[in-house]
Amino acid sequence: MGDQRQSNSALAAAGLKDISQEFADEIKRKPSSEELFGILTGALNSMSDDSLSDVNMTDIIALRPEIEMQPDSKPPAGDSASAVDQLNDTTFVVATDVLLQLIQAIETESGQLPTLNTLLDLLLEGLHRGGNILIDISSADIKTIRPELRK
């Protein structure tokens, strides 16, 4: 991995930790994987439609993690109600800032706006580097992030 890519991956990891911490400060616990991806989806939807090279932001319905449990992982706890609707704007502002920083970092590295998949790949790398930021699963158990898009 090149120096710039490692730097971008570290930026993603730090940003995801910031989002998780902001959520925890407000809700008094870490976010679940569903909540984190709900926050990221909301942040993407709030951004300018020309932020990515291939997708209008308002066409993103949801980001969905594909999870593959590691042998030493514990299964997720039972479904609990999402607290995303209870959040004030601060967590979404932090998430939007993180995504904008990542988009700008990719654009600086490549000279062009990233695709959605490029951004999601960087977020996945950040999750894998970010440590224990989720309440329900290990970030290492997330194998890919799939976007659900409007047709």
Foldseek 3Di string as FASTA:
>chain_A
DDPLLVVLLQLLLVLLLVLQVVCCVVVVHGAAPQQSFVLLLVLLCVDQLPQAPPGGSVQFPTKDFDFDADPPKDAFDDDDDGCNVVDDCPSSVSSNVSLSVSQVSVCVVPVDGHHPQVSQVSNLSSQVVNFDRHDTTRSVRGPGMDTDGHD
